[in-house]
Amino acid sequence: MFLKHRESGKLVEVLSLRDLFNPIHVILVGRYHAGEELQEPETFVKSDLIFLSNESLPQCWVDVHYRDDELHRRR
């Protein structure tokens, strides 16, 4: 999956989709996708990444407590 680095606008290939989808993990492994040579993998903070359409990542991917309010309302 490809995302965009928020600050630089560079394309990032996500190599650890499990880390991307897991809200407990704030860091994931990926590599910049630039030039003709394959770049070395490095770590990225999820909050620094966005979709190519400039949309933020879903809350369920970045916030482990994204449904806490809903659970408290049901009680």
C-alpha atoms as a PDB file:
ATOM      1  CA  MET A   1       0.000   0.000   0.000  1.00  0.00           C
ATOM      2  CA  PHE A   2       1.226   3.484  -0.796  1.00  0.00           C
ATOM      3  CA  LEU A   3       0.740   6.523   1.420  1.00  0.00           C
ATOM      4  CA  LYS A   4       2.155  10.020   1.338  1.00  0.00           C
ATOM      5  CA  HIS A   5       4.508  11.578   3.871  1.00  0.00           C
ATOM      6  CA  ARG A   6       2.624  14.596   5.236  1.00  0.00           C
ATOM      7  CA  GLU A   7       5.589  17.011   5.432  1.00  0.00           C
ATOM      8  CA  SER A   8       7.578  16.140   2.314  1.00  0.00           C
ATOM      9  CA  GLY A   9       4.798  14.888   0.038  1.00  0.00           C
ATOM     10  CA  LYS A  10       6.967  11.893  -0.905  1.00  0.00           C
ATOM     11  CA  LEU A  11       5.373   8.557  -1.703  1.00  0.00           C
ATOM     12  CA  VAL A  12       5.878   5.877   0.982  1.00  0.00           C
ATOM     13  CA  GLU A  13       5.425   2.169   0.347  1.00  0.00           C
ATOM     14  CA  VAL A  14       4.126   0.573   3.548  1.00  0.00           C
ATOM     15  CA  LEU A  15       5.877  -2.740   4.160  1.00  0.00           C
ATOM     16  CA  SER A  16       4.105  -3.674   7.403  1.00  0.00           C
ATOM     17  CA  LEU A  17       0.360  -3.546   6.814  1.00  0.00           C
ATOM     18  CA  ARG A  18      -0.294  -5.196  10.177  1.00  0.00           C
ATOM     19  CA  ASP A  19       1.340  -2.234  11.894  1.00  0.00           C
ATOM     20  CA  LEU A  20      -0.657   0.177   9.740  1.00  0.00           C
ATOM     21  CA  PHE A  21      -4.010  -1.354  10.673  1.00  0.00           C
ATOM     22  CA  ASN A  22      -3.182  -1.915  14.364  1.00  0.00           C
ATOM     23  CA  PRO A  23      -4.050   1.213  16.391  1.00  0.00           C
ATOM     24  CA  ILE A  24      -1.646   0.216  19.169  1.00  0.00           C
ATOM     25  CA  HIS A  25       1.346   0.498  16.832  1.00  0.00           C
ATOM     26  CA  VAL A  26       2.359   4.123  16.250  1.00  0.00           C
ATOM     27  CA  ILE A  27       5.354   3.252  14.077  1.00  0.00           C
ATOM     28  CA  LEU A  28       5.491   1.192  10.895  1.00  0.00           C
ATOM     29  CA  VAL A  29       8.117   0.029   8.427  1.00  0.00           C
ATOM     30  CA  GLY A  30       8.110   1.442   4.930  1.00  0.00           C
ATOM     31  CA  ARG A  31      10.339   2.942   2.282  1.00  0.00           C
ATOM     32  CA  TYR A  32      10.256   6.009   0.137  1.00  0.00           C
ATOM     33  CA  HIS A  33       9.271   5.254  -3.420  1.00  0.00           C
ATOM     34  CA  ALA A  34      11.463   7.604  -5.407  1.00  0.00           C
ATOM     35  CA  GLY A  35      13.900   7.247  -8.258  1.00  0.00           C
ATOM     36  CA  GLU A  36      14.782   4.062 -10.057  1.00  0.00           C
ATOM     37  CA  GLU A  37      16.588   2.300  -7.227  1.00  0.00           C
ATOM     38  CA  LEU A  38      14.775   0.534  -4.409  1.00  0.00           C
ATOM     39  CA  GLN A  39      15.161   2.564  -1.218  1.00  0.00           C
ATOM     40  CA  GLU A  40      16.165   1.060   2.126  1.00  0.00           C
ATOM     41  CA  PRO A  41      13.331   0.334   4.584  1.00  0.00           C
ATOM     42  CA  GLU A  42      12.960   2.755   7.485  1.00  0.00           C
ATOM     43  CA  THR A  43      10.488   3.482  10.236  1.00  0.00           C
ATOM     44  CA  PHE A  44       7.702   6.044   9.948  1.00  0.00           C
ATOM     45  CA  VAL A  45       5.349   7.471  12.547  1.00  0.00           C
ATOM     46  CA  LYS A  46       1.764   6.808  11.418  1.00  0.00           C
ATOM     47  CA  SER A  47       0.660  10.341  12.270  1.00  0.00           C
ATOM     48  CA  ASP A  48       3.140  11.603   9.632  1.00  0.00           C
ATOM     49  CA  LEU A  49       1.392   9.641   6.857  1.00  0.00           C
ATOM     50  CA  ILE A  50      -1.749  10.426   4.867  1.00  0.00           C
ATOM     51  CA  PHE A  51      -3.558   8.926   1.886  1.00  0.00           C
ATOM     52  CA  LEU A  52      -2.563  10.058  -1.592  1.00  0.00           C
ATOM     53  CA  SER A  53      -5.825  12.056  -1.683  1.00  0.00           C
ATOM     54  CA  ASN A  54      -4.528  14.084   1.322  1.00  0.00           C
ATOM     55  CA  GLU A  55      -7.073  12.470   3.664  1.00  0.00           C
ATOM     56  CA  SER A  56      -5.964  11.434   7.133  1.00  0.00           C
ATOM     57  CA  LEU A  57      -5.772   7.796   8.120  1.00  0.00           C
ATOM     58  CA  PRO A  58      -8.946   6.366   9.713  1.00  0.00           C
ATOM     59  CA  GLN A  59      -9.253   6.807  13.468  1.00  0.00           C
ATOM     60  CA  CYS A  60      -9.540   3.044  13.935  1.00  0.00           C
ATOM     61  CA  TRP A  61      -5.965   2.730  12.586  1.00  0.00           C
ATOM     62  CA  VAL A  62      -4.413   5.383  14.811  1.00  0.00           C
ATOM     63  CA  ASP A  63      -6.444   5.643  18.029  1.00  0.00           C
ATOM     64  CA  VAL A  64      -6.973   2.586  20.202  1.00  0.00           C
ATOM     65  CA  HIS A  65      -9.712   4.459  22.107  1.00  0.00           C
ATOM     66  CA  TYR A  66     -11.681   5.628  19.074  1.00  0.00           C
ATOM     67  CA  ARG A  67     -14.929   3.983  20.299  1.00  0.00           C
ATOM     68  CA  ASP A  68     -14.642   4.659  24.028  1.00  0.00           C
ATOM     69  CA  ASP A  69     -17.304   7.396  23.972  1.00  0.00           C
ATOM     70  CA  GLU A  70     -19.756   5.080  22.233  1.00  0.00           C
ATOM     71  CA  LEU A  71     -19.214   2.359  24.825  1.00  0.00           C
ATOM     72  CA  HIS A  72     -19.820   4.781  27.711  1.00  0.00           C
ATOM     73  CA  ARG A  73     -23.088   5.999  26.139  1.00  0.00           C
ATOM     74  CA  ARG A  74     -24.492   2.464  25.950  1.00  0.00           C
ATOM     75  CA  ARG A  75     -24.175   1.887  29.678  1.00  0.00           C
END
